[in-house]
């Protein structure tokens, strides 16, 4: 059975904790460019 993703959040900061009800997706959205900030991606599933 597939569980639908119901919400996504992008938050600035590598060591950001997941908001309540969300799970962190381990992906580097900026591909570690030295001049860019780290963006953390979180998902919420139903």
Protein backbone atom coordinates (compact mmCIF):
# COMPACT_ATOMS: atom_id res chain seq x y z
CA UNK A 1 0.00 0.00 0.00
CA UNK A 2 1.29 3.44 -0.94
CA UNK A 3 1.11 6.26 1.59
CA UNK A 4 0.50 9.70 0.07
CA UNK A 5 2.72 12.70 0.80
CA UNK A 6 0.37 15.39 2.08
CA UNK A 7 2.81 18.26 2.74
CA UNK A 8 6.40 19.35 2.08
CA UNK A 9 8.53 21.92 3.92
CA UNK A 10 11.89 23.43 3.03
CA UNK A 11 13.79 24.92 5.96
CA UNK A 12 17.16 26.69 5.98
CA UNK A 13 19.80 24.94 8.09
CA UNK A 14 21.62 21.61 7.93
CA UNK A 15 20.95 20.57 11.53
CA UNK A 16 17.30 21.60 11.58
CA UNK A 17 15.01 19.18 13.38
CA UNK A 18 11.88 17.97 11.64
CA UNK A 19 8.71 19.93 12.44
CA UNK A 20 6.09 17.95 14.34
CA UNK A 21 4.55 15.25 12.13
CA UNK A 22 7.26 15.56 9.43
CA UNK A 23 10.19 13.34 8.42
CA UNK A 24 13.48 14.65 7.05
CA UNK A 25 14.33 13.57 3.51
CA UNK A 26 18.12 13.06 3.31
CA UNK A 27 18.90 15.11 0.21
CA UNK A 28 21.22 18.06 -0.43
CA UNK A 29 19.11 20.49 -2.43
CA UNK A 30 22.08 22.79 -3.17
CA UNK A 31 24.54 20.01 -4.05
CA UNK A 32 26.94 21.44 -1.42
CA UNK A 33 27.98 24.59 -3.24
CA UNK A 34 30.27 26.47 -0.86
CA UNK A 35 28.50 29.81 -1.37
CA UNK A 36 24.98 28.52 -0.77
CA UNK A 37 23.07 27.79 2.40
CA UNK A 38 21.93 24.28 3.27
CA UNK A 39 18.24 23.61 2.68
CA UNK A 40 16.56 20.73 4.52
CA UNK A 41 13.55 19.02 2.95
CA UNK A 42 10.78 17.48 5.08
CA UNK A 43 7.71 15.44 4.17
CA UNK A 44 4.47 14.63 5.90
CA UNK A 45 2.60 11.45 5.01
CA UNK A 46 -0.99 10.49 5.66
